[in-house]
N, C-alpha and C. Protein backbone atom coordinates (compact mmCIF):
# COMPACT_ATOMS: atom_id res chain seq x y z
N UNK A 1 19.94 -25.54 -27.66
CA UNK A 1 18.60 -26.29 -28.07
C UNK A 1 17.43 -27.49 -27.34
N UNK A 2 18.35 -28.33 -27.78
CA UNK A 2 17.77 -29.91 -27.72
C UNK A 2 17.29 -29.74 -26.18
N UNK A 3 18.11 -29.17 -25.24
CA UNK A 3 18.23 -29.44 -23.99
C UNK A 3 16.91 -28.77 -23.96
N UNK A 4 17.01 -27.30 -23.84
CA UNK A 4 16.10 -26.44 -23.20
C UNK A 4 14.92 -27.10 -23.56
N UNK A 5 14.75 -27.35 -24.98
CA UNK A 5 13.73 -28.09 -25.55
C UNK A 5 13.30 -29.07 -24.53
N UNK A 6 13.81 -30.14 -24.08
CA UNK A 6 13.09 -31.67 -23.19
C UNK A 6 13.67 -30.53 -21.70
N UNK A 7 13.57 -30.37 -21.53
CA UNK A 7 13.44 -29.36 -19.97
C UNK A 7 12.16 -28.77 -20.41
N UNK A 8 11.66 -28.18 -21.16
CA UNK A 8 10.51 -27.29 -21.25
C UNK A 8 9.63 -28.49 -21.54
N UNK A 9 9.23 -29.24 -22.23
CA UNK A 9 8.59 -30.88 -22.17
C UNK A 9 8.28 -31.12 -20.83
N UNK A 10 9.73 -31.50 -20.26
CA UNK A 10 9.88 -32.34 -19.18
C UNK A 10 8.68 -31.35 -17.51
N UNK A 11 8.74 -29.98 -17.95
CA UNK A 11 8.04 -29.26 -16.85
C UNK A 11 9.22 -29.00 -16.17
N UNK A 12 10.43 -29.25 -16.41
CA UNK A 12 11.32 -28.79 -15.18
C UNK A 12 11.89 -27.50 -15.38
N UNK A 13 10.85 -26.73 -16.21
CA UNK A 13 11.46 -25.06 -16.67
C UNK A 13 10.21 -24.39 -16.66
N UNK A 14 10.31 -23.40 -15.61
CA UNK A 14 8.77 -22.67 -15.65
C UNK A 14 8.94 -21.49 -16.82
N UNK A 15 7.85 -21.14 -17.98
CA UNK A 15 7.61 -20.00 -18.50
C UNK A 15 6.79 -18.97 -17.04
N UNK A 16 6.59 -19.31 -16.74
CA UNK A 16 5.89 -18.46 -15.86
C UNK A 16 6.48 -17.04 -15.42
N UNK A 17 7.79 -17.88 -14.31
CA UNK A 17 8.80 -16.70 -14.08
C UNK A 17 9.38 -16.05 -14.37
N UNK A 18 9.39 -16.23 -16.02
CA UNK A 18 10.26 -15.18 -16.75
C UNK A 18 9.17 -14.63 -17.70
N UNK A 19 7.66 -14.79 -17.86
CA UNK A 19 6.49 -13.60 -18.24
C UNK A 19 6.25 -12.30 -17.14
N UNK A 20 6.54 -13.11 -16.01
CA UNK A 20 5.83 -12.45 -14.60
C UNK A 20 6.26 -11.03 -14.86
N UNK A 21 7.22 -10.33 -15.01
CA UNK A 21 7.91 -9.30 -15.40
C UNK A 21 7.43 -8.09 -16.09
N UNK A 22 7.11 -9.20 -17.47
CA UNK A 22 6.35 -8.36 -18.50
C UNK A 22 5.18 -8.51 -18.10
N UNK A 23 4.25 -8.84 -17.81
CA UNK A 23 3.00 -8.74 -17.03
C UNK A 23 2.96 -7.84 -15.79
N UNK A 24 3.60 -7.58 -14.67
CA UNK A 24 4.25 -6.77 -14.18
C UNK A 24 4.21 -4.91 -14.41
N UNK A 25 4.83 -5.17 -15.44
CA UNK A 25 5.05 -3.49 -15.86
C UNK A 25 4.14 -3.43 -16.39
N UNK A 26 3.17 -4.61 -17.53
CA UNK A 26 2.15 -4.13 -18.00
C UNK A 26 0.89 -3.51 -17.50
N UNK A 27 1.38 -4.20 -15.96
CA UNK A 27 0.01 -3.93 -15.10
C UNK A 27 0.21 -3.16 -14.41
N UNK A 28 1.21 -2.67 -14.04
CA UNK A 28 1.91 -0.67 -13.77
C UNK A 28 1.56 0.32 -14.52
N UNK A 29 1.87 -0.27 -15.55
CA UNK A 29 1.12 1.39 -17.22
C UNK A 29 0.32 0.69 -16.65
N UNK A 30 -0.76 0.29 -17.04
CA UNK A 30 -2.55 0.40 -16.61
C UNK A 30 -2.45 0.56 -15.70
N UNK A 31 -2.76 0.15 -14.38
CA UNK A 31 -2.64 1.50 -13.14
C UNK A 31 -2.13 3.11 -13.50
N UNK A 32 -1.21 3.22 -13.62
CA UNK A 32 -0.88 4.83 -14.11
C UNK A 32 -1.34 5.40 -15.10
N UNK A 33 -1.71 4.42 -15.70
CA UNK A 33 -2.59 5.43 -16.96
C UNK A 33 -4.30 5.99 -16.23
N UNK A 34 -4.85 4.72 -15.75
CA UNK A 34 -5.91 4.83 -15.20
C UNK A 34 -5.84 6.06 -14.16
N UNK A 35 -5.31 5.52 -13.07
CA UNK A 35 -4.96 7.06 -12.31
C UNK A 35 -4.86 8.41 -12.90
N UNK A 36 -4.18 8.41 -13.53
CA UNK A 36 -3.49 9.22 -14.27
C UNK A 36 -5.34 10.15 -15.15
N UNK A 37 -6.00 9.21 -15.68
CA UNK A 37 -7.14 9.62 -16.60
C UNK A 37 -8.02 10.06 -15.38
N UNK A 38 -8.54 8.99 -14.36
CA UNK A 38 -9.71 9.00 -12.58
C UNK A 38 -9.20 10.65 -12.67
N UNK A 39 -7.92 11.34 -12.31
CA UNK A 39 -7.82 12.54 -11.90
C UNK A 39 -8.01 13.53 -12.95
N UNK A 40 -7.34 13.78 -14.00
CA UNK A 40 -8.05 14.33 -14.77
C UNK A 40 -9.27 14.70 -15.66
N UNK A 41 -9.85 13.78 -15.18
CA UNK A 41 -11.54 13.31 -15.46
C UNK A 41 -12.22 14.42 -14.40
N UNK A 42 -11.58 13.66 -12.56
CA UNK A 42 -12.00 14.34 -11.82
C UNK A 42 -12.14 16.38 -11.46
N UNK A 43 -10.72 16.52 -12.00
CA UNK A 43 -10.24 17.42 -11.95
C UNK A 43 -11.02 18.69 -13.11
N UNK A 44 -11.54 18.16 -14.45
CA UNK A 44 -12.69 18.45 -15.62
C UNK A 44 -14.03 18.67 -14.87
N UNK A 45 -14.19 17.33 -14.09
CA UNK A 45 -16.00 17.86 -13.92
C UNK A 45 -15.56 18.36 -12.46
N UNK A 46 -14.66 18.43 -11.93
CA UNK A 46 -14.51 19.28 -10.73
C UNK A 46 -15.12 18.48 -9.25
N UNK A 47 -14.98 16.86 -9.39
CA UNK A 47 -15.28 15.87 -8.28
C UNK A 47 -13.62 15.77 -7.42
N UNK A 48 -13.81 16.22 -6.67
CA UNK A 48 -12.76 15.43 -5.51
C UNK A 48 -12.50 14.07 -5.11
N UNK A 49 -13.99 13.71 -5.01
CA UNK A 49 -13.92 12.54 -5.27
C UNK A 49 -13.36 11.48 -6.16
N UNK A 50 -13.25 12.19 -7.19
CA UNK A 50 -12.64 11.22 -8.05
C UNK A 50 -11.62 11.51 -8.57
N UNK A 51 -10.82 13.10 -8.05
CA UNK A 51 -9.05 13.48 -7.73
C UNK A 51 -9.15 12.46 -6.68
N UNK A 52 -9.50 11.89 -5.44
CA UNK A 52 -9.04 11.33 -4.86
C UNK A 52 -9.15 9.87 -5.32
N UNK A 53 -9.97 9.22 -5.94
CA UNK A 53 -10.01 7.84 -6.32
C UNK A 53 -8.78 7.46 -7.05
N UNK A 54 -8.39 8.67 -8.03
CA UNK A 54 -7.25 8.55 -8.84
C UNK A 54 -6.27 8.66 -8.33
N UNK A 55 -5.73 9.28 -7.22
CA UNK A 55 -4.35 8.93 -6.49
C UNK A 55 -4.60 7.90 -6.00
N UNK A 56 -4.97 7.59 -5.59
CA UNK A 56 -5.25 6.32 -4.78
C UNK A 56 -5.12 4.76 -5.72
N UNK A 57 -5.43 5.16 -6.70
CA UNK A 57 -5.15 3.99 -7.91
C UNK A 57 -3.97 4.22 -8.54
N UNK A 58 -3.11 5.30 -8.80
CA UNK A 58 -2.36 5.79 -8.79
C UNK A 58 -0.82 5.46 -8.33
N UNK A 59 -1.28 5.16 -6.39
CA UNK A 59 -0.17 4.82 -6.25
C UNK A 59 -0.32 3.47 -5.17
N UNK A 60 -1.75 2.99 -5.01
CA UNK A 60 -1.99 1.59 -4.94
C UNK A 60 -2.34 0.57 -5.90
N UNK A 61 -2.48 0.65 -6.87
CA UNK A 61 -2.42 0.43 -7.83
C UNK A 61 -1.13 -0.70 -8.40
N UNK A 62 -0.58 -0.13 -8.48
CA UNK A 62 1.23 -0.38 -9.06
C UNK A 62 1.81 -1.88 -7.42
N UNK A 63 1.13 -1.43 -6.59
CA UNK A 63 1.66 -2.02 -5.27
C UNK A 63 0.45 -3.31 -4.97
N UNK A 64 -0.85 -3.43 -5.49
CA UNK A 64 -1.29 -4.55 -5.50
C UNK A 64 -1.05 -5.10 -6.81
N UNK A 65 -1.29 -4.60 -8.06
CA UNK A 65 -0.51 -5.32 -9.21
C UNK A 65 1.03 -5.98 -8.68
N UNK A 66 1.83 -5.87 -7.91
CA UNK A 66 2.97 -5.99 -7.45
C UNK A 66 2.57 -7.73 -6.82
N UNK A 67 2.00 -7.51 -5.52
CA UNK A 67 1.11 -8.65 -4.97
C UNK A 67 0.65 -9.48 -5.41
N UNK A 68 -0.53 -9.40 -6.56
CA UNK A 68 -1.40 -10.16 -7.10
C UNK A 68 0.11 -11.13 -8.08
N UNK A 69 1.22 -10.68 -8.67
CA UNK A 69 2.53 -11.11 -9.40
C UNK A 69 3.19 -11.62 -8.56
N UNK A 70 3.07 -11.68 -7.23
CA UNK A 70 3.99 -12.46 -6.23
C UNK A 70 3.17 -12.92 -5.62
N UNK A 71 1.91 -13.71 -5.75
CA UNK A 71 0.93 -14.57 -5.00
C UNK A 71 1.21 -15.81 -6.20
N UNK A 72 1.21 -15.10 -7.88
CA UNK A 72 0.70 -15.89 -8.68
C UNK A 72 2.58 -17.03 -8.69
N UNK A 73 3.37 -15.82 -8.46
CA UNK A 73 4.80 -16.86 -8.54
C UNK A 73 5.05 -17.73 -7.33
N UNK A 74 4.39 -17.67 -6.54
CA UNK A 74 4.24 -18.26 -5.20
C UNK A 74 4.11 -19.95 -5.55
N UNK A 75 3.50 -20.15 -6.44
CA UNK A 75 2.31 -21.15 -6.95
C UNK A 75 3.88 -22.21 -7.70
N UNK A 76 4.74 -21.61 -8.24
CA UNK A 76 5.60 -21.80 -9.35
C UNK A 76 7.32 -21.47 -8.96
N UNK A 77 7.19 -21.43 -7.29
CA UNK A 77 8.43 -21.66 -6.99
C UNK A 77 9.03 -23.09 -6.44
N UNK A 78 10.39 -23.36 -6.51
CA UNK A 78 10.35 -24.91 -6.51
C UNK A 78 10.48 -25.10 -5.83
N UNK A 79 10.38 -26.57 -4.97
CA UNK A 79 10.75 -27.41 -3.86
C UNK A 79 11.93 -27.41 -3.42
N UNK A 80 12.17 -27.48 -2.09
CA UNK A 80 13.66 -27.42 -1.80
C UNK A 80 14.01 -28.36 -0.59
């Protein structure tokens, strides 16, 4: 435990690469839920535009979240 703490304090061990999978799945869940809500709202209102935007959010949202997470991780890639 002491060795892990020394690596942590000396910034040899990063937290972000270990936290990003959790952030990714939370972002995916939010994007999917928002997409479903928008599709259902569009169906109730009768708006084809809302249904289309909901489907776009449902499929492109997780992709966008993945790209953002990978962008953040590029800053924490160790030098070789």
